[in-house]
Amino acid sequence: MAGELVLVIDDSPTITKVVQLVLTKAGYQVQTAADGEQGLTSVRTQRPDLILLDFVMPRMNGYQFCRELTADAKLRDIPVILMSAKGDQVGERFVKVMGIVDYITKPFSPEAITAVVQHTIGKYGGPGVDEEHPSLVTGEDLAATDDADRSHAKGSALGQLRSQVSDVVSARIAALFALANESRDDGARITTDAAAIADAIKSALDDGALARMLGSIDLGLFSEGLPGLRGDLRVVPLAEVLQLLDVQEQSGVLTVERSGARVDIYFRRGRVDQAIAEGVPDEFLLGRFVLDAELMSRTDFESFLESRSLHTGARLLGQALTKLGHISETDLKACLTRQSSELIYEILRWRHGRFRFSAGMELPPSVIDAALGLDVEAVLMEGYRRVDEWHLIERAIDNFDVVFLRNEDSVAQMGRGRLTREELAVLELVNGKNTVKDIIRKSRMGSFEVSKMLYRLLSIKLVRRRVLPVAV
């Protein structure tokens, strides 16, 4: 049943975040620990129904943890699932040893980790229902409470605005009548008819006054869907926003903006139908993914772009390509899927920016046609993995203005047969002049792929960073 407590012990932030996200959505309670020592402390503080355990960890590895666990008579019967990386060859060897009842190999899918947890808890049992303390609040009760709170807050905000407008208007009308009554010259008496009063009120409710009034209330109370779902990425990580929209099966558009770049993520019942961007590098344009998939040659694609306006007018690029028979509808959907995913991976890295969600907005026809239906969990899993890799890569490639040199002797000694076609293409562009930014542009690859390849070439010493002379 849902509600069992699962303890995840792993030193990888990626694994702990992803497993917590997946299992929480499946209805489990999840706690995490970064190593075996933290895990033991957590187990002794609150006994879990199941432990997901990494094998290779600092301070106390999986074997040492299990040895400590089985030494405690109160804890030794807790089932443990081992999470081992592909190639560790420790999975089968440790099943049924020291409490380990099953194992799963990394990387794993959301469906796989959920299935193995459900199977293990179903086999070894979880907590029963506490009849003495039944649930006192149902989902319907919570929803009704939320609606009541929202209605009350909305009414209070309207009352606050009404009072402020009333104060300004009554003060201006009172001033008009006071001036009119004080006038000693009947011929010069101030007019107090409806038109004069209306003009006076308009002048009183100038932009400054209105701005002060609106600034004192939460305008999100008057939007449908999730009220006030907007904020700063430095305070609320984008992944948490995506997870919320997924769990609540929201429909609408999530807009994320930073330094002139904007990405609109269109949701339909918690799944991503498409992501569309403005002001982002060319690597995120659809053409790059068409070329990556080798659906068209570069020459044919460039010729198509030159003649596009003559044949298709303002039609979108993907629609134009399919209309003229250059790619199939299936190919277009695959390219749009990769483009939308890459855009989300990119903005998951943004450390600053603003986001806002508009619920219930009608989706554009092109988004309705695309209907990608991307699973947020799967996108986040790959996104987290990339973010972790970026953190590693950025230690060696801290900006895209860096220039690299080829180690010609090492290249000659190693040979080029051990490199992939893409790695060879990047290596050819390393000439002591091209910056990383130049290599990305000239290779027509993504910044993540190019940086990852450069990092590998650095690690096997085929390239080195060019050291600029120090100005005297």
Protein backbone atom coordinates (compact mmCIF):
# COMPACT_ATOMS: atom_id res chain seq x y z
CA MET A 1 0.00 0.00 0.00
CA ALA A 2 1.08 3.62 -0.36
CA GLY A 3 2.69 5.36 2.58
CA GLU A 4 5.57 2.99 3.34
CA LEU A 5 8.85 4.64 4.29
CA VAL A 6 11.78 4.07 1.93
CA LEU A 7 15.33 5.11 2.85
CA VAL A 8 17.61 5.92 -0.13
CA ILE A 9 21.35 5.80 0.67
CA ASP A 10 23.52 7.11 -2.16
CA ASP A 11 26.28 9.70 -2.47
CA SER A 12 24.99 10.87 -5.85
CA PRO A 13 22.61 13.87 -5.62
CA THR A 14 21.20 12.77 -8.99
CA ILE A 15 20.16 9.34 -7.80
CA THR A 16 18.68 10.55 -4.50
CA LYS A 17 16.71 13.36 -6.18
CA VAL A 18 15.35 11.16 -8.95
CA VAL A 19 14.42 8.22 -6.71
CA GLN A 20 12.78 10.58 -4.22
CA LEU A 21 10.80 12.22 -7.02
CA VAL A 22 9.64 8.91 -8.51
CA LEU A 23 8.74 7.14 -5.28
CA THR A 24 7.04 10.17 -3.74
CA LYS A 25 4.79 10.38 -6.77
CA ALA A 26 4.05 6.65 -6.36
CA GLY A 27 2.79 7.38 -2.83
CA TYR A 28 5.77 6.38 -0.69
CA GLN A 29 7.47 8.41 2.02
CA VAL A 30 11.14 8.89 1.17
CA GLN A 31 14.16 9.80 3.28
CA THR A 32 17.69 10.14 1.92
CA ALA A 33 21.24 9.77 3.22
CA ALA A 34 24.54 10.57 1.52
CA ASP A 35 26.55 7.63 2.88
CA GLY A 36 26.38 4.56 5.10
CA GLU A 37 27.02 6.43 8.34
CA GLN A 38 24.17 8.87 7.71
CA GLY A 39 22.05 5.92 6.66
CA LEU A 40 22.60 4.09 9.94
CA THR A 41 21.72 7.22 11.90
CA SER A 42 18.52 7.60 9.90
CA VAL A 43 17.55 3.92 10.33
CA ARG A 44 18.01 4.11 14.09
CA THR A 45 16.02 7.34 14.28
CA GLN A 46 13.08 6.08 12.24
CA ARG A 47 12.85 2.50 11.03
CA PRO A 48 12.13 2.34 7.28
CA ASP A 49 10.14 -0.39 5.52
CA LEU A 50 12.75 -0.71 2.77
CA ILE A 51 16.30 0.50 2.09
CA LEU A 52 17.69 1.35 -1.36
CA LEU A 53 21.46 1.15 -0.99
CA ASP A 54 24.35 2.22 -3.21
CA PHE A 55 27.41 -0.03 -3.01
CA VAL A 56 30.31 2.37 -3.68
CA MET A 57 30.19 5.28 -1.21
CA PRO A 58 32.67 7.31 0.86
CA ARG A 59 33.23 6.74 4.60
CA MET A 60 31.04 3.59 4.75
CA ASN A 61 30.27 1.55 1.65
CA GLY A 62 27.32 -0.75 1.05
CA TYR A 63 29.03 -3.85 2.41
CA GLN A 64 30.05 -2.11 5.64
CA PHE A 65 26.55 -0.68 6.04
CA CYS A 66 24.93 -4.12 5.71
CA ARG A 67 27.39 -5.59 8.21
CA GLU A 68 26.39 -2.93 10.77
CA LEU A 69 22.69 -3.36 9.99
CA THR A 70 22.68 -7.14 10.47
CA ALA A 71 24.60 -6.80 13.73
CA ASP A 72 21.54 -5.07 15.23
CA ALA A 73 18.79 -7.57 16.05
CA LYS A 74 16.13 -4.86 15.77
CA LEU A 75 17.17 -3.81 12.27
CA ARG A 76 18.50 -6.93 10.55
CA ASP A 77 15.15 -7.91 9.02
CA ILE A 78 14.71 -4.66 7.06
CA PRO A 79 14.82 -5.60 3.34
CA VAL A 80 17.62 -3.97 1.34
CA ILE A 81 17.77 -3.42 -2.42
CA LEU A 82 21.25 -2.83 -3.80
CA MET A 83 21.72 -0.14 -6.44
CA SER A 84 24.86 -0.99 -8.41
CA ALA A 85 26.32 0.77 -11.43
CA LYS A 86 26.59 -1.17 -14.64
CA GLY A 87 29.91 -2.99 -14.58
CA ASP A 88 30.23 -3.16 -10.78
CA GLN A 89 29.37 -6.88 -10.91
CA VAL A 90 28.26 -6.80 -7.29
CA GLY A 91 24.51 -7.17 -7.77
CA GLU A 92 23.92 -10.91 -8.01
CA ARG A 93 26.84 -11.72 -5.71
CA PHE A 94 25.25 -9.92 -2.77
CA VAL A 95 21.59 -10.86 -3.19
CA LYS A 96 20.42 -12.82 -0.12
CA VAL A 97 23.56 -11.76 1.73
CA MET A 98 23.28 -9.60 4.85
CA GLY A 99 19.72 -8.45 4.24
CA ILE A 100 20.07 -7.69 0.51
CA VAL A 101 17.01 -9.20 -1.15
CA ASP A 102 17.29 -7.77 -4.67
CA TYR A 103 19.34 -5.40 -6.81
CA ILE A 104 18.82 -2.94 -9.66
CA THR A 105 21.43 -1.72 -12.12
CA LYS A 106 22.08 1.96 -12.76
CA PRO A 107 20.95 3.80 -14.80
CA PHE A 108 17.37 2.69 -14.29
CA SER A 109 14.04 4.02 -15.50
CA PRO A 110 11.29 5.43 -13.23
CA GLU A 111 9.15 2.40 -14.05
CA ALA A 112 11.93 -0.03 -13.06
CA ILE A 113 12.66 1.49 -9.65
CA THR A 114 8.94 1.75 -8.85
CA ALA A 115 8.35 -1.86 -9.87
CA VAL A 116 11.18 -3.29 -7.78
CA VAL A 117 10.12 -1.28 -4.71
CA GLN A 118 6.47 -2.34 -5.08
CA HIS A 119 7.46 -5.97 -5.54
CA THR A 120 9.81 -6.01 -2.54
CA ILE A 121 7.40 -4.25 -0.17
CA GLY A 122 4.59 -6.50 -1.36
CA LYS A 123 6.73 -9.58 -0.69
CA TYR A 124 8.24 -8.59 2.63
CA GLY A 125 5.36 -6.51 3.91
CA GLY A 126 4.90 -2.88 4.93
CA PRO A 127 3.05 -1.13 7.72
CA GLY A 128 -0.55 -2.01 8.35
CA VAL A 129 -3.36 0.46 8.78
CA ASP A 130 -3.41 2.01 12.22
CA GLU A 131 -7.05 1.58 13.14
CA GLU A 132 -6.62 3.54 16.36
CA HIS A 133 -5.54 6.61 14.44
CA PRO A 134 -7.47 6.69 11.17
CA SER A 135 -7.00 9.50 8.73
CA LEU A 136 -9.07 12.48 9.83
CA VAL A 137 -8.70 14.53 6.64
CA THR A 138 -9.65 13.28 3.19
CA GLY A 139 -8.54 14.61 -0.16
CA GLU A 140 -11.97 16.14 -0.65
CA ASP A 141 -11.71 17.88 2.73
CA LEU A 142 -8.32 19.34 1.81
CA ALA A 143 -9.60 20.53 -1.57
CA ALA A 144 -12.65 22.13 0.05
CA THR A 145 -10.43 23.81 2.63
CA ASP A 146 -8.11 25.14 -0.09
CA ASP A 147 -11.11 26.51 -2.03
CA ALA A 148 -12.52 28.13 1.11
CA ASP A 149 -9.17 29.68 1.99
CA ARG A 150 -8.74 30.97 -1.56
CA SER A 151 -12.29 32.40 -1.62
CA HIS A 152 -11.76 34.10 1.74
CA ALA A 153 -8.41 35.55 0.64
CA LYS A 154 -9.92 36.78 -2.62
CA GLY A 155 -12.81 38.43 -0.78
CA SER A 156 -10.43 40.07 1.68
CA ALA A 157 -8.28 41.41 -1.15
CA LEU A 158 -11.31 42.86 -2.95
CA GLY A 159 -12.49 44.43 0.29
CA GLN A 160 -9.05 45.95 0.83
CA LEU A 161 -9.03 47.39 -2.70
CA ARG A 162 -12.60 48.66 -2.30
CA SER A 163 -11.70 50.45 0.94
CA GLN A 164 -8.65 52.12 -0.59
CA VAL A 165 -10.59 53.34 -3.64
CA SER A 166 -13.42 54.52 -1.39
CA ASP A 167 -11.01 56.50 0.79
CA VAL A 168 -9.45 58.26 -2.20
CA VAL A 169 -12.79 59.01 -3.88
CA SER A 170 -14.57 60.24 -0.72
CA ALA A 171 -11.63 62.48 0.15
CA ARG A 172 -11.66 64.08 -3.31
CA ILE A 173 -15.46 64.58 -3.31
CA ALA A 174 -15.36 66.11 0.16
CA ALA A 175 -12.65 68.50 -0.98
CA LEU A 176 -14.75 69.53 -4.00
CA PHE A 177 -17.81 70.31 -1.90
CA ALA A 178 -15.74 72.15 0.68
CA LEU A 179 -14.25 74.37 -2.01
CA ALA A 180 -17.66 74.95 -3.54
CA ASN A 181 -19.25 75.92 -0.26
CA GLU A 182 -16.40 78.23 0.71
CA SER A 183 -16.57 80.19 -2.51
CA ARG A 184 -17.96 83.73 -1.88
CA ASP A 185 -18.54 84.57 -5.53
CA ASP A 186 -21.66 82.82 -6.79
CA GLY A 187 -20.53 83.34 -10.37
CA ALA A 188 -17.28 81.56 -9.66
CA ARG A 189 -18.70 78.66 -7.64
CA ILE A 190 -17.03 75.35 -8.38
CA THR A 191 -19.28 73.00 -10.35
CA THR A 192 -20.15 69.84 -8.46
CA ASP A 193 -22.11 67.98 -11.13
CA ALA A 194 -21.39 64.34 -12.15
CA ALA A 195 -18.87 65.26 -14.87
CA ALA A 196 -16.80 67.40 -12.52
CA ILE A 197 -16.81 64.71 -9.87
CA ALA A 198 -15.77 62.06 -12.41
CA ASP A 199 -12.86 64.20 -13.59
CA ALA A 200 -11.77 64.79 -10.02
CA ILE A 201 -11.85 61.09 -9.23
CA LYS A 202 -9.82 60.25 -12.36
CA SER A 203 -7.19 62.75 -11.38
CA ALA A 204 -7.08 61.29 -7.86
CA LEU A 205 -6.68 57.75 -9.17
CA ASP A 206 -3.50 58.48 -11.10
CA ASP A 207 -0.93 55.83 -12.03
CA GLY A 208 0.93 56.21 -8.77
CA ALA A 209 -2.17 55.74 -6.62
CA LEU A 210 -3.35 52.73 -8.61
CA ALA A 211 0.11 51.15 -8.48
CA ARG A 212 0.18 51.50 -4.69
CA MET A 213 -3.25 49.89 -4.37
CA LEU A 214 -2.49 46.96 -6.68
CA GLY A 215 0.87 46.44 -5.03
CA SER A 216 -0.84 45.78 -1.71
CA ILE A 217 -2.83 42.75 -2.93
CA ASP A 218 -1.89 39.38 -4.46
CA LEU A 219 -3.07 39.50 -8.07
CA GLY A 220 -2.49 35.74 -8.31
CA LEU A 221 -5.69 35.29 -6.31
CA PHE A 222 -7.67 36.37 -9.38
CA SER A 223 -6.10 33.87 -11.83
CA GLU A 224 -7.37 30.37 -12.41
CA GLY A 225 -5.41 27.24 -11.60
CA LEU A 226 -2.44 27.60 -9.27
CA PRO A 227 -2.62 31.07 -7.67
CA GLY A 228 0.56 33.06 -7.60
CA LEU A 229 2.75 30.35 -9.21
CA ARG A 230 5.59 32.61 -10.16
CA GLY A 231 8.96 33.33 -8.70
CA ASP A 232 12.73 33.48 -8.86
CA LEU A 233 14.86 30.48 -9.84
CA ARG A 234 17.37 31.44 -7.15
CA VAL A 235 14.69 30.74 -4.55
CA VAL A 236 12.63 27.95 -6.15
CA PRO A 237 14.52 25.45 -8.37
CA LEU A 238 12.87 24.83 -11.73
CA ALA A 239 12.82 21.07 -11.11
CA GLU A 240 10.46 21.58 -8.16
CA VAL A 241 8.11 23.65 -10.31
CA LEU A 242 8.06 20.98 -13.02
CA GLN A 243 7.43 18.30 -10.42
CA LEU A 244 4.50 20.27 -8.95
CA LEU A 245 2.85 20.72 -12.35
CA ASP A 246 3.36 17.03 -13.05
CA VAL A 247 1.92 15.81 -9.75
CA GLN A 248 -1.10 18.16 -9.98
CA GLU A 249 -1.64 17.24 -13.66
CA GLN A 250 -1.85 20.90 -14.61
CA SER A 251 -2.56 22.27 -18.09
CA GLY A 252 -1.20 25.61 -19.26
CA VAL A 253 2.11 27.24 -20.08
CA LEU A 254 5.18 27.62 -17.86
CA THR A 255 7.33 30.56 -18.98
CA VAL A 256 10.97 30.75 -17.87
CA GLU A 257 13.01 33.88 -18.71
CA ARG A 258 16.60 34.97 -18.22
CA SER A 259 18.73 37.68 -19.85
CA GLY A 260 16.66 37.98 -23.02
CA ALA A 261 16.13 34.22 -23.39
CA ARG A 262 12.64 32.80 -22.96
CA VAL A 263 11.33 29.23 -22.94
CA ASP A 264 7.61 28.39 -22.94
CA ILE A 265 6.81 24.86 -21.74
CA TYR A 266 3.28 23.79 -22.68
CA PHE A 267 1.62 21.35 -20.27
CA ARG A 268 -1.43 19.19 -20.84
CA ARG A 269 -2.60 17.21 -17.80
CA GLY A 270 0.87 17.17 -16.29
CA ARG A 271 2.77 16.12 -19.42
CA VAL A 272 4.85 18.36 -21.68
CA ASP A 273 3.39 18.75 -25.17
CA GLN A 274 6.21 21.00 -26.41
CA ALA A 275 8.84 23.53 -25.36
CA ILE A 276 9.36 26.61 -27.56
CA ALA A 277 12.11 29.17 -27.10
CA GLU A 278 13.14 32.68 -28.13
CA GLY A 279 16.54 34.31 -27.77
CA VAL A 280 18.43 31.02 -27.29
CA PRO A 281 21.57 29.88 -29.19
CA ASP A 282 21.22 28.32 -32.64
CA GLU A 283 22.02 24.89 -31.22
CA PHE A 284 18.44 24.73 -29.91
CA LEU A 285 16.82 25.47 -33.29
CA LEU A 286 14.93 22.64 -34.97
CA GLY A 287 17.31 22.50 -37.94
CA ARG A 288 20.15 21.25 -35.75
CA PHE A 289 18.12 18.19 -34.70
CA VAL A 290 17.09 17.48 -38.29
CA LEU A 291 20.77 17.45 -39.29
CA ASP A 292 21.81 15.44 -36.22
CA ALA A 293 19.32 12.73 -37.19
CA GLU A 294 20.75 12.78 -40.74
CA LEU A 295 17.28 13.34 -42.19
CA MET A 296 18.74 15.87 -44.64
CA SER A 297 22.21 16.74 -45.83
CA ARG A 298 23.55 20.11 -44.76
CA THR A 299 23.61 21.29 -48.39
CA ASP A 300 19.98 20.29 -48.97
CA PHE A 301 18.88 21.88 -45.70
CA GLU A 302 20.60 25.18 -46.47
CA SER A 303 19.09 25.19 -49.97
CA PHE A 304 15.68 24.58 -48.42
CA LEU A 305 16.12 27.53 -46.05
CA GLU A 306 17.06 29.82 -48.95
CA SER A 307 13.96 28.88 -50.95
CA ARG A 308 11.61 28.45 -48.01
CA SER A 309 9.90 31.82 -48.27
CA LEU A 310 9.11 31.20 -51.94
CA HIS A 311 7.36 27.90 -51.25
CA THR A 312 5.87 28.06 -47.77
CA GLY A 313 5.44 31.68 -46.71
CA ALA A 314 5.16 32.01 -42.94
CA ARG A 315 4.62 28.30 -42.31
CA LEU A 316 6.61 26.90 -39.38
CA LEU A 317 9.86 25.15 -40.26
CA GLY A 318 8.71 21.68 -39.21
CA GLN A 319 5.41 22.01 -41.06
CA ALA A 320 7.22 23.24 -44.15
CA LEU A 321 9.67 20.31 -44.10
CA THR A 322 6.85 17.77 -43.88
CA LYS A 323 4.66 19.53 -46.44
CA LEU A 324 7.43 19.43 -49.03
CA GLY A 325 8.26 15.81 -48.22
CA HIS A 326 11.74 16.37 -46.81
CA ILE A 327 10.92 14.54 -43.56
CA SER A 328 8.01 12.43 -42.34
CA GLU A 329 5.56 13.32 -39.58
CA THR A 330 7.19 10.64 -37.40
CA ASP A 331 10.65 12.14 -38.01
CA LEU A 332 9.36 15.61 -37.18
CA LYS A 333 7.89 14.41 -33.89
CA ALA A 334 11.20 12.76 -32.96
CA CYS A 335 13.08 16.00 -33.70
CA LEU A 336 10.58 18.10 -31.74
CA THR A 337 10.85 15.67 -28.81
CA ARG A 338 14.61 16.03 -28.73
CA GLN A 339 14.43 19.80 -29.16
CA SER A 340 11.92 20.21 -26.30
CA SER A 341 13.92 17.89 -24.05
CA GLU A 342 17.19 19.72 -24.75
CA LEU A 343 15.58 23.06 -23.95
CA ILE A 344 14.39 21.77 -20.57
CA TYR A 345 17.80 20.25 -19.83
CA GLU A 346 19.36 23.63 -20.56
CA ILE A 347 17.10 25.72 -18.33
CA LEU A 348 17.48 23.22 -15.48
CA ARG A 349 21.06 24.58 -15.34
CA TRP A 350 19.95 28.20 -14.99
CA ARG A 351 20.93 29.53 -11.58
CA HIS A 352 18.90 32.72 -11.96
CA GLY A 353 15.84 33.84 -13.87
CA ARG A 354 12.10 34.21 -13.43
CA PHE A 355 9.23 31.77 -13.97
CA ARG A 356 5.46 32.05 -14.12
CA PHE A 357 2.70 29.54 -14.84
CA SER A 358 -0.53 30.46 -16.61
CA ALA A 359 -3.08 27.72 -16.06
CA GLY A 360 -5.82 26.77 -18.46
CA MET A 361 -4.44 28.73 -21.41
CA GLU A 362 -5.47 27.51 -24.84
CA LEU A 363 -2.53 25.81 -26.53
CA PRO A 364 -1.33 27.10 -29.93
CA PRO A 365 -2.34 24.94 -32.94
CA SER A 366 1.29 23.91 -33.55
CA VAL A 367 1.61 22.61 -29.98
CA ILE A 368 -1.69 20.73 -30.29
CA ASP A 369 -0.39 19.15 -33.50
CA ALA A 370 2.91 18.19 -31.86
CA ALA A 371 1.25 16.62 -28.77
CA LEU A 372 4.58 15.16 -27.59
CA GLY A 373 3.25 14.10 -24.18
CA LEU A 374 6.71 14.00 -22.58
CA ASP A 375 6.91 12.41 -19.14
CA VAL A 376 8.29 14.94 -16.65
CA GLU A 377 9.92 12.28 -14.48
CA ALA A 378 11.92 10.89 -17.40
CA VAL A 379 12.97 14.36 -18.53
CA LEU A 380 14.05 15.29 -15.01
CA MET A 381 16.01 12.08 -14.61
CA GLU A 382 18.10 12.81 -17.71
CA GLY A 383 18.24 16.50 -16.80
CA TYR A 384 19.62 15.78 -13.33
CA ARG A 385 22.22 13.46 -14.86
CA ARG A 386 23.34 16.19 -17.24
CA VAL A 387 23.45 18.81 -14.52
CA ASP A 388 25.77 16.55 -12.52
CA GLU A 389 27.95 16.06 -15.60
CA TRP A 390 27.98 19.80 -16.26
CA HIS A 391 29.27 20.42 -12.74
CA LEU A 392 32.12 18.02 -13.43
CA ILE A 393 32.86 19.45 -16.89
CA GLU A 394 32.79 23.05 -15.65
CA ARG A 395 35.80 22.38 -13.44
CA ALA A 396 37.89 22.03 -16.61
CA ILE A 397 35.88 24.21 -19.01
CA ASP A 398 34.77 27.14 -16.91
CA ASN A 399 33.70 29.34 -19.84
CA PHE A 400 33.15 29.07 -23.57
CA ASP A 401 35.92 31.54 -24.43
CA VAL A 402 38.59 29.00 -23.53
CA VAL A 403 40.94 27.90 -26.34
CA PHE A 404 42.46 24.42 -26.60
CA LEU A 405 45.50 23.00 -28.41
CA ARG A 406 45.97 19.50 -29.82
CA ASN A 407 48.72 17.34 -28.35
CA GLU A 408 49.87 16.11 -31.74
CA ASP A 409 52.28 13.50 -30.33
CA SER A 410 49.55 11.95 -28.19
CA VAL A 411 47.10 11.98 -31.10
CA ALA A 412 49.65 10.26 -33.35
CA GLN A 413 50.53 7.69 -30.67
CA MET A 414 46.92 6.85 -29.81
CA GLY A 415 45.56 6.97 -33.34
CA ARG A 416 42.12 8.14 -34.32
CA GLY A 417 40.42 4.78 -34.54
CA ARG A 418 39.44 4.82 -30.86
CA LEU A 419 37.48 8.07 -31.21
CA THR A 420 33.88 8.43 -32.35
CA ARG A 421 33.00 10.38 -35.46
CA GLU A 422 31.72 13.27 -33.34
CA GLU A 423 34.87 13.29 -31.19
CA LEU A 424 37.01 13.37 -34.33
CA ALA A 425 34.96 16.30 -35.66
CA VAL A 426 35.55 18.23 -32.41
CA LEU A 427 39.23 17.30 -32.37
CA GLU A 428 39.69 18.68 -35.90
CA LEU A 429 38.30 22.02 -34.74
CA VAL A 430 40.80 22.24 -31.87
CA ASN A 431 43.53 24.34 -33.47
CA GLY A 432 44.73 26.82 -30.86
CA LYS A 433 42.49 29.55 -32.28
CA ASN A 434 38.91 28.35 -31.98
CA THR A 435 37.21 29.00 -28.68
CA VAL A 436 34.75 26.48 -27.27
CA LYS A 437 32.03 28.81 -28.52
CA ASP A 438 33.54 28.65 -32.04
CA ILE A 439 33.69 24.86 -31.92
CA ILE A 440 30.02 24.65 -30.92
CA ARG A 441 29.02 26.97 -33.76
CA LYS A 442 31.17 25.33 -36.44
CA SER A 443 30.36 21.76 -35.44
CA ARG A 444 26.60 22.48 -35.33
CA MET A 445 26.42 20.33 -32.20
CA GLY A 446 24.98 21.16 -28.81
CA SER A 447 27.04 22.85 -26.12
CA PHE A 448 26.59 19.87 -23.78
CA GLU A 449 27.80 17.36 -26.38
CA VAL A 450 30.81 19.49 -27.41
CA SER A 451 31.81 20.20 -23.80
CA LYS A 452 31.48 16.52 -22.91
CA MET A 453 33.71 15.52 -25.83
CA LEU A 454 36.30 18.18 -25.02
CA TYR A 455 36.31 16.98 -21.42
CA ARG A 456 37.02 13.42 -22.58
CA LEU A 457 39.75 14.59 -24.96
CA LEU A 458 41.26 16.48 -22.02
CA SER A 459 41.08 13.46 -19.74
CA ILE A 460 42.93 11.23 -22.23
CA LYS A 461 45.42 14.07 -22.86
CA LEU A 462 44.75 14.52 -26.58
CA VAL A 463 44.15 18.25 -26.05
CA ARG A 464 45.32 20.82 -23.53
CA ARG A 465 44.18 24.26 -22.52
CA ARG A 466 46.07 27.10 -24.17
CA VAL A 467 47.77 29.30 -21.61
CA LEU A 468 47.68 32.94 -22.60
CA PRO A 469 50.86 35.01 -21.99
CA VAL A 470 50.72 37.24 -18.95
CA ALA A 471 50.82 40.94 -19.80
CA VAL A 472 53.76 42.73 -18.24
